[in-house]
PDB file of all heavy atoms in Angstrom:
ATOM      1  N   HIS A   1      54.983  53.788  59.772  1.00  0.00           N
ATOM      2  CA  HIS A   1      56.367  54.020  60.181  1.00  0.00           C
ATOM      3  C   HIS A   1      57.276  52.831  59.886  1.00  0.00           C
ATOM      4  O   HIS A   1      58.489  52.984  59.849  1.00  0.00           O
ATOM      5  CB  HIS A   1      56.429  54.334  61.678  1.00  0.00           C
ATOM      6  CG  HIS A   1      55.627  55.532  62.076  1.00  0.00           C
ATOM      7  ND1 HIS A   1      55.977  56.820  61.715  1.00  0.00           N
ATOM      8  CD2 HIS A   1      54.471  55.637  62.787  1.00  0.00           C
ATOM      9  CE1 HIS A   1      55.092  57.666  62.195  1.00  0.00           C
ATOM     10  NE2 HIS A   1      54.155  56.979  62.841  1.00  0.00           N
ATOM     11  N   GLY A   2      56.694  51.640  59.685  1.00  0.00           N
ATOM     12  CA  GLY A   2      57.513  50.457  59.505  1.00  0.00           C
ATOM     13  C   GLY A   2      58.144  50.022  60.825  1.00  0.00           C
ATOM     14  O   GLY A   2      57.705  50.417  61.911  1.00  0.00           O
ATOM     15  N   LEU A   3      59.189  49.217  60.726  1.00  0.00           N
ATOM     16  CA  LEU A   3      59.876  48.763  61.932  1.00  0.00           C
ATOM     17  C   LEU A   3      60.737  49.875  62.519  1.00  0.00           C
ATOM     18  O   LEU A   3      61.181  50.776  61.809  1.00  0.00           O
ATOM     19  CB  LEU A   3      60.747  47.549  61.602  1.00  0.00           C
ATOM     20  CG  LEU A   3      60.023  46.270  61.157  1.00  0.00           C
ATOM     21  CD1 LEU A   3      61.026  45.157  60.886  1.00  0.00           C
ATOM     22  CD2 LEU A   3      59.008  45.823  62.213  1.00  0.00           C
ATOM     23  N   ILE A   4      60.970  49.783  63.812  1.00  0.00           N
ATOM     24  CA  ILE A   4      61.833  50.738  64.514  1.00  0.00           C
ATOM     25  C   ILE A   4      63.062  49.995  65.017  1.00  0.00           C
ATOM     26  O   ILE A   4      62.953  48.915  65.612  1.00  0.00           O
ATOM     27  CB  ILE A   4      61.082  51.399  65.682  1.00  0.00           C
ATOM     28  CG1 ILE A   4      59.897  52.206  65.144  1.00  0.00           C
ATOM     29  CG2 ILE A   4      62.016  52.307  66.480  1.00  0.00           C
ATOM     30  CD1 ILE A   4      59.017  52.817  66.213  1.00  0.00           C
ATOM     31  N   VAL A   5      64.231  50.529  64.721  1.00  0.00           N
ATOM     32  CA  VAL A   5      65.487  49.896  65.134  1.00  0.00           C
ATOM     33  C   VAL A   5      66.296  50.869  65.990  1.00  0.00           C
ATOM     34  O   VAL A   5      66.026  52.071  66.007  1.00  0.00           O
ATOM     35  CB  VAL A   5      66.323  49.460  63.906  1.00  0.00           C
ATOM     36  CG1 VAL A   5      65.546  48.463  63.057  1.00  0.00           C
ATOM     37  CG2 VAL A   5      66.734  50.668  63.065  1.00  0.00           C
ATOM     38  N   SER A   6      67.282  50.332  66.684  1.00  0.00           N
ATOM     39  CA  SER A   6      68.161  51.165  67.504  1.00  0.00           C
ATOM     40  C   SER A   6      69.317  51.674  66.658  1.00  0.00           C
ATOM     41  O   SER A   6      70.007  50.881  66.012  1.00  0.00           O
ATOM     42  CB  SER A   6      68.693  50.354  68.687  1.00  0.00           C
ATOM     43  OG  SER A   6      67.642  49.964  69.541  1.00  0.00           O
ATOM     44  N   GLY A   7      69.521  52.990  66.671  1.00  0.00           N
ATOM     45  CA  GLY A   7      70.618  53.597  65.937  1.00  0.00           C
ATOM     46  C   GLY A   7      71.563  54.323  66.865  1.00  0.00           C
ATOM     47  O   GLY A   7      71.312  54.415  68.079  1.00  0.00           O
ATOM     48  N   PRO A   8      72.644  54.863  66.350  1.00  0.00           N
ATOM     49  CA  PRO A   8      73.608  55.599  67.169  1.00  0.00           C
ATOM     50  C   PRO A   8      72.993  56.785  67.905  1.00  0.00           C
ATOM     51  O   PRO A   8      73.452  57.162  68.984  1.00  0.00           O
ATOM     52  CB  PRO A   8      74.641  56.075  66.147  1.00  0.00           C
ATOM     53  CG  PRO A   8      74.487  55.173  64.981  1.00  0.00           C
ATOM     54  CD  PRO A   8      73.048  54.798  64.939  1.00  0.00           C
ATOM     55  N   ASP A   9      71.942  57.370  67.320  1.00  0.00           N
ATOM     56  CA  ASP A   9      71.293  58.536  67.930  1.00  0.00           C
ATOM     57  C   ASP A   9      69.975  58.183  68.608  1.00  0.00           C
ATOM     58  O   ASP A   9      69.163  59.061  68.892  1.00  0.00           O
ATOM     59  CB  ASP A   9      71.053  59.611  66.863  1.00  0.00           C
ATOM     60  CG  ASP A   9      72.341  60.053  66.195  1.00  0.00           C
ATOM     61  OD1 ASP A   9      73.337  60.220  66.915  1.00  0.00           O
ATOM     62  OD2 ASP A   9      72.344  60.200  64.958  1.00  0.00           O
ATOM     63  N   GLY A  10      69.744  56.878  68.834  1.00  0.00           N
ATOM     64  CA  GLY A  10      68.505  56.449  69.467  1.00  0.00           C
ATOM     65  C   GLY A  10      67.612  55.700  68.494  1.00  0.00           C
ATOM     66  O   GLY A  10      67.997  55.434  67.348  1.00  0.00           O
ATOM     67  N   PRO A  11      66.391  55.336  68.901  1.00  0.00           N
ATOM     68  CA  PRO A  11      65.474  54.597  68.032  1.00  0.00           C
ATOM     69  C   PRO A  11      65.132  55.399  66.774  1.00  0.00           C
ATOM     70  O   PRO A  11      64.941  56.613  66.828  1.00  0.00           O
ATOM     71  CB  PRO A  11      64.232  54.399  68.908  1.00  0.00           C
ATOM     72  CG  PRO A  11      64.711  54.578  70.303  1.00  0.00           C
ATOM     73  CD  PRO A  11      65.822  55.580  70.241  1.00  0.00           C
ATOM     74  N   ILE A  12      65.041  54.698  65.635  1.00  0.00           N
ATOM     75  CA  ILE A  12      64.693  55.349  64.368  1.00  0.00           C
ATOM     76  C   ILE A  12      63.867  54.376  63.536  1.00  0.00           C
ATOM     77  O   ILE A  12      64.129  53.174  63.513  1.00  0.00           O
ATOM     78  CB  ILE A  12      65.960  55.812  63.607  1.00  0.00           C
ATOM     79  CG1 ILE A  12      65.572  56.600  62.342  1.00  0.00           C
ATOM     80  CG2 ILE A  12      66.876  54.638  63.275  1.00  0.00           C
ATOM     81  CD1 ILE A  12      66.750  57.298  61.686  1.00  0.00           C
ATOM     82  N   SER A  13      62.833  54.870  62.866  1.00  0.00           N
ATOM     83  CA  SER A  13      61.923  54.018  62.094  1.00  0.00           C
ATOM     84  C   SER A  13      62.373  53.906  60.649  1.00  0.00           C
ATOM     85  O   SER A  13      63.189  54.694  60.163  1.00  0.00           O
ATOM     86  CB  SER A  13      60.506  54.595  62.139  1.00  0.00           C
ATOM     87  OG  SER A  13      60.438  55.814  61.407  1.00  0.00           O
ATOM     88  N   GLU A  14      61.794  52.903  59.965  1.00  0.00           N
ATOM     89  CA  GLU A  14      62.040  52.754  58.526  1.00  0.00           C
ATOM     90  C   GLU A  14      61.694  54.042  57.785  1.00  0.00           C
ATOM     91  O   GLU A  14      62.457  54.527  56.952  1.00  0.00           O
ATOM     92  CB  GLU A  14      61.166  51.636  57.960  1.00  0.00           C
ATOM     93  CG  GLU A  14      61.630  50.238  58.188  1.00  0.00           C
ATOM     94  CD  GLU A  14      60.699  49.252  57.500  1.00  0.00           C
ATOM     95  OE1 GLU A  14      60.669  49.232  56.250  1.00  0.00           O
ATOM     96  OE2 GLU A  14      60.002  48.513  58.212  1.00  0.00           O
ATOM     97  N   ALA A  15      60.502  54.588  58.102  1.00  0.00           N
ATOM     98  CA  ALA A  15      60.033  55.783  57.397  1.00  0.00           C
ATOM     99  C   ALA A  15      60.998  56.946  57.589  1.00  0.00           C
ATOM    100  O   ALA A  15      61.300  57.684  56.644  1.00  0.00           O
ATOM    101  CB  ALA A  15      58.638  56.167  57.885  1.00  0.00           C
ATOM    102  N   ASP A  16      61.502  57.117  58.812  1.00  0.00           N
ATOM    103  CA  ASP A  16      62.424  58.221  59.078  1.00  0.00           C
ATOM    104  C   ASP A  16      63.753  58.035  58.352  1.00  0.00           C
ATOM    105  O   ASP A  16      64.329  59.001  57.837  1.00  0.00           O
ATOM    106  CB  ASP A  16      62.670  58.355  60.583  1.00  0.00           C
ATOM    107  CG  ASP A  16      61.460  58.925  61.319  1.00  0.00           C
ATOM    108  OD1 ASP A  16      60.608  59.548  60.647  1.00  0.00           O
ATOM    109  OD2 ASP A  16      61.361  58.740  62.546  1.00  0.00           O
ATOM    110  N   MET A  17      64.247  56.792  58.296  1.00  0.00           N
ATOM    111  CA  MET A  17      65.497  56.542  57.587  1.00  0.00           C
ATOM    112  C   MET A  17      65.342  56.787  56.089  1.00  0.00           C
ATOM    113  O   MET A  17      66.221  57.377  55.450  1.00  0.00           O
ATOM    114  CB  MET A  17      65.990  55.107  57.849  1.00  0.00           C
ATOM    115  CG  MET A  17      66.647  54.925  59.206  1.00  0.00           C
ATOM    116  SD  MET A  17      67.449  53.308  59.381  1.00  0.00           S
ATOM    117  CE  MET A  17      66.037  52.274  59.765  1.00  0.00           C
ATOM    118  N   LEU A  18      64.214  56.348  55.538  1.00  0.00           N
ATOM    119  CA  LEU A  18      63.988  56.547  54.103  1.00  0.00           C
ATOM    120  C   LEU A  18      63.806  58.029  53.779  1.00  0.00           C
ATOM    121  O   LEU A  18      64.293  58.512  52.753  1.00  0.00           O
ATOM    122  CB  LEU A  18      62.774  55.740  53.649  1.00  0.00           C
ATOM    123  CG  LEU A  18      62.953  54.217  53.667  1.00  0.00           C
ATOM    124  CD1 LEU A  18      61.623  53.513  53.401  1.00  0.00           C
ATOM    125  CD2 LEU A  18      63.990  53.779  52.639  1.00  0.00           C
ATOM    126  N   TRP A  19      63.098  58.744  54.651  1.00  0.00           N
ATOM    127  CA  TRP A  19      62.913  60.193  54.435  1.00  0.00           C
ATOM    128  C   TRP A  19      64.255  60.918  54.512  1.00  0.00           C
ATOM    129  O   TRP A  19      64.550  61.798  53.699  1.00  0.00           O
ATOM    130  CB  TRP A  19      61.930  60.754  55.444  1.00  0.00           C
ATOM    131  CG  TRP A  19      61.637  62.203  55.224  1.00  0.00           C
ATOM    132  CD1 TRP A  19      62.242  63.274  55.817  1.00  0.00           C
ATOM    133  CD2 TRP A  19      60.692  62.750  54.297  1.00  0.00           C
ATOM    134  NE1 TRP A  19      61.727  64.451  55.331  1.00  0.00           N
ATOM    135  CE2 TRP A  19      60.772  64.161  54.395  1.00  0.00           C
ATOM    136  CE3 TRP A  19      59.776  62.184  53.408  1.00  0.00           C
ATOM    137  CZ2 TRP A  19      59.978  65.008  53.638  1.00  0.00           C
ATOM    138  CZ3 TRP A  19      58.975  63.032  52.651  1.00  0.00           C
ATOM    139  CH2 TRP A  19      59.081  64.425  52.757  1.00  0.00           C
ATOM    140  N   ASP A  20      65.074  60.524  55.489  1.00  0.00           N
ATOM    141  CA  ASP A  20      66.389  61.147  55.643  1.00  0.00           C
ATOM    142  C   ASP A  20      67.277  60.847  54.429  1.00  0.00           C
ATOM    143  O   ASP A  20      67.966  61.750  53.921  1.00  0.00           O
ATOM    144  CB  ASP A  20      67.062  60.632  56.911  1.00  0.00           C
ATOM    145  CG  ASP A  20      68.449  61.222  57.117  1.00  0.00           C
ATOM    146  OD1 ASP A  20      68.548  62.385  57.546  1.00  0.00           O
ATOM    147  OD2 ASP A  20      69.442  60.524  56.820  1.00  0.00           O
ATOM    148  N   LEU A  21      67.243  59.597  53.961  1.00  0.00           N
ATOM    149  CA  LEU A  21      68.034  59.236  52.790  1.00  0.00           C
ATOM    150  C   LEU A  21      67.568  60.016  51.566  1.00  0.00           C
ATOM    151  O   LEU A  21      68.392  60.533  50.789  1.00  0.00           O
ATOM    152  CB  LEU A  21      67.922  57.732  52.529  1.00  0.00           C
ATOM    153  CG  LEU A  21      68.577  57.194  51.262  1.00  0.00           C
ATOM    154  CD1 LEU A  21      70.058  57.539  51.205  1.00  0.00           C
ATOM    155  CD2 LEU A  21      68.373  55.676  51.162  1.00  0.00           C
ATOM    156  N   ALA A  22      66.245  60.129  51.386  1.00  0.00           N
ATOM    157  CA  ALA A  22      65.711  60.893  50.257  1.00  0.00           C
ATOM    158  C   ALA A  22      66.137  62.360  50.350  1.00  0.00           C
ATOM    159  O   ALA A  22      66.477  62.986  49.330  1.00  0.00           O
ATOM    160  CB  ALA A  22      64.186  60.781  50.227  1.00  0.00           C
ATOM    161  N   SER A  23      66.142  62.919  51.556  1.00  0.00           N
ATOM    162  CA  SER A  23      66.539  64.314  51.739  1.00  0.00           C
ATOM    163  C   SER A  23      68.015  64.519  51.416  1.00  0.00           C
ATOM    164  O   SER A  23      68.400  65.539  50.827  1.00  0.00           O
ATOM    165  CB  SER A  23      66.254  64.753  53.178  1.00  0.00           C
ATOM    166  OG  SER A  23      64.869  64.643  53.475  1.00  0.00           O
ATOM    167  N   ARG A  24      68.852  63.569  51.805  1.00  0.00           N
ATOM    168  CA  ARG A  24      70.281  63.666  51.495  1.00  0.00           C
ATOM    169  C   ARG A  24      70.516  63.579  49.986  1.00  0.00           C
ATOM    170  O   ARG A  24      71.339  64.314  49.431  1.00  0.00           O
ATOM    171  CB  ARG A  24      71.055  62.570  52.223  1.00  0.00           C
ATOM    172  CG  ARG A  24      71.090  62.763  53.725  1.00  0.00           C
ATOM    173  CD  ARG A  24      71.675  61.557  54.472  1.00  0.00           C
ATOM    174  NE  ARG A  24      71.468  61.707  55.900  1.00  0.00           N
ATOM    175  CZ  ARG A  24      72.321  62.312  56.729  1.00  0.00           C
ATOM    176  NH1 ARG A  24      73.465  62.791  56.258  1.00  0.00           N
ATOM    177  NH2 ARG A  24      72.048  62.427  58.010  1.00  0.00           N
ATOM    178  N   LEU A  25      69.793  62.683  49.322  1.00  0.00           N
ATOM    179  CA  LEU A  25      69.928  62.566  47.870  1.00  0.00           C
ATOM    180  C   LEU A  25      69.397  63.825  47.187  1.00  0.00           C
ATOM    181  O   LEU A  25      70.020  64.352  46.254  1.00  0.00           O
ATOM    182  CB  LEU A  25      69.159  61.331  47.386  1.00  0.00           C
ATOM    183  CG  LEU A  25      69.180  61.038  45.888  1.00  0.00           C
ATOM    184  CD1 LEU A  25      70.612  60.901  45.365  1.00  0.00           C
ATOM    185  CD2 LEU A  25      68.368  59.776  45.573  1.00  0.00           C
ATOM    186  N   GLU A  26      68.255  64.326  47.675  1.00  0.00           N
ATOM    187  CA  GLU A  26      67.671  65.549  47.119  1.00  0.00           C
ATOM    188  C   GLU A  26      68.631  66.723  47.265  1.00  0.00           C
ATOM    189  O   GLU A  26      68.823  67.516  46.331  1.00  0.00           O
ATOM    190  CB  GLU A  26      66.353  65.860  47.817  1.00  0.00           C
ATOM    191  CG  GLU A  26      65.679  67.118  47.306  1.00  0.00           C
ATOM    192  CD  GLU A  26      64.496  67.536  48.155  1.00  0.00           C
ATOM    193  OE1 GLU A  26      64.507  67.251  49.369  1.00  0.00           O
ATOM    194  OE2 GLU A  26      63.568  68.166  47.609  1.00  0.00           O
ATOM    195  N   GLY A  27      69.273  66.865  48.420  1.00  0.00           N
ATOM    196  CA  GLY A  27      70.198  67.970  48.651  1.00  0.00           C
ATOM    197  C   GLY A  27      71.368  67.947  47.698  1.00  0.00           C
ATOM    198  O   GLY A  27      71.767  68.990  47.152  1.00  0.00           O
ATOM    199  N   ARG A  28      71.930  66.773  47.464  1.00  0.00           N
ATOM    200  CA  ARG A  28      73.066  66.656  46.548  1.00  0.00           C
ATOM    201  C   ARG A  28      72.649  66.942  45.108  1.00  0.00           C
ATOM    202  O   ARG A  28      73.363  67.602  44.357  1.00  0.00           O
ATOM    203  CB  ARG A  28      73.685  65.264  46.661  1.00  0.00           C
ATOM    204  CG  ARG A  28      74.518  65.078  47.934  1.00  0.00           C
ATOM    205  CD  ARG A  28      74.796  63.607  48.207  1.00  0.00           C
ATOM    206  NE  ARG A  28      75.766  63.452  49.287  1.00  0.00           N
ATOM    207  CZ  ARG A  28      75.467  63.580  50.581  1.00  0.00           C
ATOM    208  NH1 ARG A  28      74.221  63.876  50.934  1.00  0.00           N
ATOM    209  NH2 ARG A  28      76.396  63.420  51.501  1.00  0.00           N
ATOM    210  N   MET A  29      71.492  66.429  44.728  1.00  0.00           N
ATOM    211  CA  MET A  29      71.027  66.655  43.356  1.00  0.00           C
ATOM    212  C   MET A  29      70.708  68.128  43.123  1.00  0.00           C
ATOM    213  O   MET A  29      71.016  68.677  42.061  1.00  0.00           O
ATOM    214  CB  MET A  29      69.799  65.777  43.073  1.00  0.00           C
ATOM    215  CG  MET A  29      70.119  64.301  42.918  1.00  0.00           C
ATOM    216  SD  MET A  29      68.658  63.319  42.477  1.00  0.00           S
ATOM    217  CE  MET A  29      69.453  61.787  41.934  1.00  0.00           C
ATOM    218  N   THR A  30      70.088  68.761  44.096  1.00  0.00           N
ATOM    219  CA  THR A  30      69.768  70.187  43.967  1.00  0.00           C
ATOM    220  C   THR A  30      71.035  71.020  43.875  1.00  0.00           C
ATOM    221  O   THR A  30      71.126  71.959  43.063  1.00  0.00           O
ATOM    222  CB  THR A  30      68.916  70.643  45.163  1.00  0.00           C
ATOM    223  OG1 THR A  30      67.712  69.865  45.218  1.00  0.00           O
ATOM    224  CG2 THR A  30      68.552  72.109  45.039  1.00  0.00           C
ATOM    225  N   ALA A  31      72.043  70.675  44.687  1.00  0.00           N
ATOM    226  CA  ALA A  31      73.306  71.425  44.675  1.00  0.00           C
ATOM    227  C   ALA A  31      74.009  71.332  43.331  1.00  0.00           C
ATOM    228  O   ALA A  31      74.728  72.250  42.929  1.00  0.00           O
ATOM    229  CB  ALA A  31      74.224  70.902  45.780  1.00  0.00           C
ATOM    230  N   ILE A  32      73.781  70.232  42.622  1.00  0.00           N
ATOM    231  CA  ILE A  32      74.452  70.041  41.340  1.00  0.00           C
ATOM    232  C   ILE A  32      73.642  70.622  40.185  1.00  0.00           C
ATOM    233  O   ILE A  32      74.064  70.592  39.033  1.00  0.00           O
ATOM    234  CB  ILE A  32      74.740  68.541  41.133  1.00  0.00           C
ATOM    235  CG1 ILE A  32      76.082  68.317  40.455  1.00  0.00           C
ATOM    236  CG2 ILE A  32      73.629  67.844  40.370  1.00  0.00           C
ATOM    237  CD1 ILE A  32      76.607  66.912  40.568  1.00  0.00           C
ATOM    238  N   GLY A  33      72.442  71.169  40.507  1.00  0.00           N
ATOM    239  CA  GLY A  33      71.638  71.834  39.491  1.00  0.00           C
ATOM    240  C   GLY A  33      70.471  71.051  38.951  1.00  0.00           C
ATOM    241  O   GLY A  33      69.811  71.478  37.994  1.00  0.00           O
ATOM    242  N   MET A  34      70.169  69.913  39.569  1.00  0.00           N
ATOM    243  CA  MET A  34      69.043  69.100  39.100  1.00  0.00           C
ATOM    244  C   MET A  34      67.735  69.609  39.711  1.00  0.00           C
ATOM    245  O   MET A  34      67.729  70.162  40.815  1.00  0.00           O
ATOM    246  CB  MET A  34      69.258  67.633  39.468  1.00  0.00           C
ATOM    247  CG  MET A  34      70.565  67.047  38.950  1.00  0.00           C
ATOM    248  SD  MET A  34      70.822  65.320  39.447  1.00  0.00           S
ATOM    249  CE  MET A  34      69.781  64.472  38.260  1.00  0.00           C
ATOM    250  N   GLU A  35      66.632  69.425  38.974  1.00  0.00           N
ATOM    251  CA  GLU A  35      65.304  69.723  39.508  1.00  0.00           C
ATOM    252  C   GLU A  35      64.803  68.478  40.223  1.00  0.00           C
ATOM    253  O   GLU A  35      64.641  67.423  39.602  1.00  0.00           O
ATOM    254  CB  GLU A  35      64.333  70.093  38.390  1.00  0.00           C
ATOM    255  CG  GLU A  35      64.675  71.371  37.658  1.00  0.00           C
ATOM    256  CD  GLU A  35      63.637  71.668  36.592  1.00  0.00           C
ATOM    257  OE1 GLU A  35      62.430  71.465  36.856  1.00  0.00           O
ATOM    258  OE2 GLU A  35      64.032  72.088  35.486  1.00  0.00           O
ATOM    259  N   THR A  36      64.600  68.567  41.519  1.00  0.00           N
ATOM    260  CA  THR A  36      64.194  67.396  42.290  1.00  0.00           C
ATOM    261  C   THR A  36      62.821  67.592  42.907  1.00  0.00           C
ATOM    262  O   THR A  36      62.451  68.696  43.309  1.00  0.00           O
ATOM    263  CB  THR A  36      65.209  67.093  43.407  1.00  0.00           C
ATOM    264  OG1 THR A  36      65.329  68.240  44.246  1.00  0.00           O
ATOM    265  CG2 THR A  36      66.571  66.743  42.834  1.00  0.00           C
ATOM    266  N   TYR A  37      62.074  66.501  42.978  1.00  0.00           N
ATOM    267  CA  TYR A  37      60.738  66.502  43.580  1.00  0.00           C
ATOM    268  C   TYR A  37      60.619  65.261  44.450  1.00  0.00           C
ATOM    269  O   TYR A  37      61.149  64.198  44.109  1.00  0.00           O
ATOM    270  CB  TYR A  37      59.647  66.459  42.504  1.00  0.00           C
ATOM    271  CG  TYR A  37      59.675  67.623  41.546  1.00  0.00           C
ATOM    272  CD1 TYR A  37      60.529  67.611  40.440  1.00  0.00           C
ATOM    273  CD2 TYR A  37      58.853  68.735  41.732  1.00  0.00           C
ATOM    274  CE1 TYR A  37      60.567  68.677  39.549  1.00  0.00           C
ATOM    275  CE2 TYR A  37      58.887  69.806  40.848  1.00  0.00           C
ATOM    276  CZ  TYR A  37      59.743  69.762  39.757  1.00  0.00           C
ATOM    277  OH  TYR A  37      59.788  70.816  38.873  1.00  0.00           O
ATOM    278  N   LEU A  38      59.918  65.383  45.564  1.00  0.00           N
ATOM    279  CA  LEU A  38      59.598  64.230  46.396  1.00  0.00           C
ATOM    280  C   LEU A  38      58.199  63.744  46.046  1.00  0.00           C
ATOM    281  O   LEU A  38      57.299  64.546  45.778  1.00  0.00           O
ATOM    282  CB  LEU A  38      59.689  64.584  47.877  1.00  0.00           C
ATOM    283  CG  LEU A  38      61.105  64.890  48.400  1.00  0.00           C
ATOM    284  CD1 LEU A  38      61.035  65.370  49.846  1.00  0.00           C
ATOM    285  CD2 LEU A  38      62.001  63.663  48.296  1.00  0.00           C
ATOM    286  N   SER A  39      58.004  62.439  46.058  1.00  0.00           N
ATOM    287  CA  SER A  39      56.730  61.863  45.624  1.00  0.00           C
ATOM    288  C   SER A  39      55.611  62.054  46.640  1.00  0.00           C
ATOM    289  O   SER A  39      54.440  61.842  46.320  1.00  0.00           O
ATOM    290  CB  SER A  39      56.906  60.366  45.363  1.00  0.00           C
ATOM    291  OG  SER A  39      57.216  59.690  46.584  1.00  0.00           O
ATOM    292  N   ARG A  40      55.969  62.437  47.856  1.00  0.00           N
ATOM    293  CA  ARG A  40      54.960  62.569  48.912  1.00  0.00           C
ATOM    294  C   ARG A  40      55.436  63.548  49.968  1.00  0.00           C
ATOM    295  O   ARG A  40      56.638  63.756  50.140  1.00  0.00           O
ATOM    296  CB  ARG A  40      54.712  61.207  49.576  1.00  0.00           C
ATOM    297  CG  ARG A  40      55.944  60.660  50.306  1.00  0.00           C
ATOM    298  CD  ARG A  40      55.609  59.455  51.158  1.00  0.00           C
ATOM    299  NE  ARG A  40      56.769  58.889  51.844  1.00  0.00           N
ATOM    300  CZ  ARG A  40      57.213  59.296  53.017  1.00  0.00           C
ATOM    301  NH1 ARG A  40      56.622  60.325  53.630  1.00  0.00           N
ATOM    302  NH2 ARG A  40      58.253  58.713  53.590  1.00  0.00           N
ATOM    303  N   PRO A  41      54.486  64.146  50.723  1.00  0.00           N
ATOM    304  CA  PRO A  41      54.884  64.903  51.921  1.00  0.00           C
ATOM    305  C   PRO A  41      55.213  63.928  53.042  1.00  0.00           C
ATOM    306  O   PRO A  41      54.891  62.734  52.966  1.00  0.00           O
ATOM    307  CB  PRO A  41      53.634  65.729  52.238  1.00  0.00           C
ATOM    308  CG  PRO A  41      52.505  64.939  51.678  1.00  0.00           C
ATOM    309  CD  PRO A  41      53.042  64.246  50.457  1.00  0.00           C
ATOM    310  N   ILE A  42      55.822  64.410  54.089  1.00  0.00           N
ATOM    311  CA  ILE A  42      56.268  63.533  55.167  1.00  0.00           C
ATOM    312  C   ILE A  42      55.099  62.874  55.902  1.00  0.00           C
ATOM    313  O   ILE A  42      55.245  61.785  56.475  1.00  0.00           O
ATOM    314  CB  ILE A  42      57.166  64.319  56.159  1.00  0.00           C
ATOM    315  CG1 ILE A  42      57.929  63.352  57.072  1.00  0.00           C
ATOM    316  CG2 ILE A  42      56.338  65.323  56.952  1.00  0.00           C
ATOM    317  CD1 ILE A  42      59.012  64.018  57.898  1.00  0.00           C
TER     318      ILE A  42
END
């Protein structure tokens, strides 16, 4: 999980932030017509 920090919505880990960022990037790329893949399951 990496380090856990305090965020606006409560504690959040490195892994969760990176997964969320990857999901946001994936969503935008998919919406624009790109084929996107994640390198790992959660």
